[in-house]
Protein backbone atom coordinates (compact mmCIF):
# COMPACT_ATOMS: atom_id res chain seq x y z
CA MET A 1 -0.18 -0.30 0.16
CA LYS A 2 1.27 3.58 -1.18
CA ALA A 3 1.65 6.23 1.67
CA LYS A 4 -0.77 8.71 1.12
CA ARG A 5 1.20 12.81 0.73
CA THR A 6 0.42 14.82 3.21
CA GLY A 7 2.12 17.96 1.82
CA THR A 8 1.09 20.52 -1.45
CA ALA A 9 4.02 21.32 -2.44
CA ARG A 10 6.34 19.92 -5.56
CA PRO A 11 9.84 17.69 -3.85
CA ALA A 12 12.38 19.51 -5.30
CA ALA A 13 14.78 17.04 -7.34
CA SER A 14 18.15 16.51 -6.10
CA SER A 15 20.72 17.51 -8.62
CA GLY A 16 21.03 14.93 -11.13
CA GLU A 17 17.52 14.14 -11.02
CA GLU A 18 15.16 14.49 -14.02
CA ALA A 19 11.50 15.79 -12.67
CA PRO A 20 9.03 12.70 -12.90
CA ALA A 21 7.13 12.04 -15.96
CA LEU A 22 3.81 11.38 -14.15
CA PRO A 23 4.44 13.87 -11.02
CA VAL A 24 2.13 12.97 -8.04
CA TRP A 25 1.28 17.08 -7.45
CA LYS A 26 -0.76 16.29 -11.11
CA ALA A 27 -2.95 13.29 -9.58
CA PHE A 28 -5.92 13.67 -10.19
CA VAL A 29 -9.24 11.56 -9.26
CA VAL A 30 -12.76 11.81 -11.82
CA GLN A 31 -15.54 9.62 -10.06
CA PHE A 32 -18.80 9.36 -12.26
CA THR A 33 -22.36 9.36 -11.21
CA ARG A 34 -24.17 6.03 -11.51
CA GLU A 35 -26.28 8.03 -14.58
CA THR A 36 -23.31 8.68 -16.46
CA GLY A 37 -22.84 6.56 -19.51
CA ALA A 38 -23.79 6.36 -23.47
CA PRO A 39 -27.24 5.16 -23.34
CA THR A 40 -27.98 7.73 -21.01
CA GLY A 41 -26.04 10.71 -22.88
CA THR A 42 -25.00 11.80 -19.38
CA PHE A 43 -21.37 12.35 -18.07
CA ALA A 44 -20.68 14.24 -15.20
CA GLY A 45 -19.26 13.82 -12.25
CA ARG A 46 -16.62 15.17 -10.11
CA VAL A 47 -12.91 15.46 -9.65
CA GLU A 48 -10.61 15.86 -6.73
CA HIS A 49 -7.04 17.05 -7.20
CA MET A 50 -5.18 14.66 -4.60
CA SER A 51 -2.16 16.48 -3.29
CA SER A 52 -4.33 19.51 -2.11
CA GLY A 53 -8.25 17.70 -1.94
CA ARG A 54 -9.87 20.61 -4.44
CA ARG A 55 -12.52 19.05 -5.85
CA ALA A 56 -14.90 20.14 -8.64
CA ARG A 57 -18.00 18.87 -10.03
CA PHE A 58 -18.48 18.60 -13.82
CA SER A 59 -21.49 17.95 -16.22
CA SER A 60 -20.02 17.44 -19.66
CA THR A 61 -16.63 15.95 -20.92
CA GLU A 62 -16.62 19.88 -21.83
CA GLU A 63 -16.53 20.93 -18.34
CA LEU A 64 -14.34 17.97 -17.41
CA VAL A 65 -12.00 18.96 -19.53
CA ALA A 66 -12.06 22.58 -18.73
CA THR A 67 -12.26 21.95 -15.25
CA LEU A 68 -9.12 20.11 -15.40
CA GLN A 69 -7.32 22.50 -17.17
CA GLN A 70 -8.22 24.89 -14.95
CA MET A 71 -6.73 23.02 -11.65
CA ILE A 72 -3.16 22.67 -13.65
CA ASP A 73 -3.05 25.81 -14.21
CA GLN A 74 -3.24 26.97 -10.43
CA LEU A 75 -1.00 24.49 -9.68
CA GLY A 76 1.78 25.66 -11.80
CA GLU A 77 5.15 24.82 -11.33
CA ASN A 78 5.07 24.69 -7.57
CA GLY A 79 2.56 22.05 -8.07
CA VAL A 80 0.24 23.81 -4.92
């Protein structure tokens, strides 16, 4: 089992280390509503940033992408 990261800041790479391709400070969980699916035409749920706990709801694919982009932009390069 992986330990949950408690800090929100991005860990500094020590000299000679490259930043990871999939950094933990850019990890999100997407949870879909029960109604989401092709038969209903519904695409809704919530997205949560794992490090900060920030979350937002979405009700379309466009809103999900826009929400993720906004959250990533808010994180900046510091991961906060």
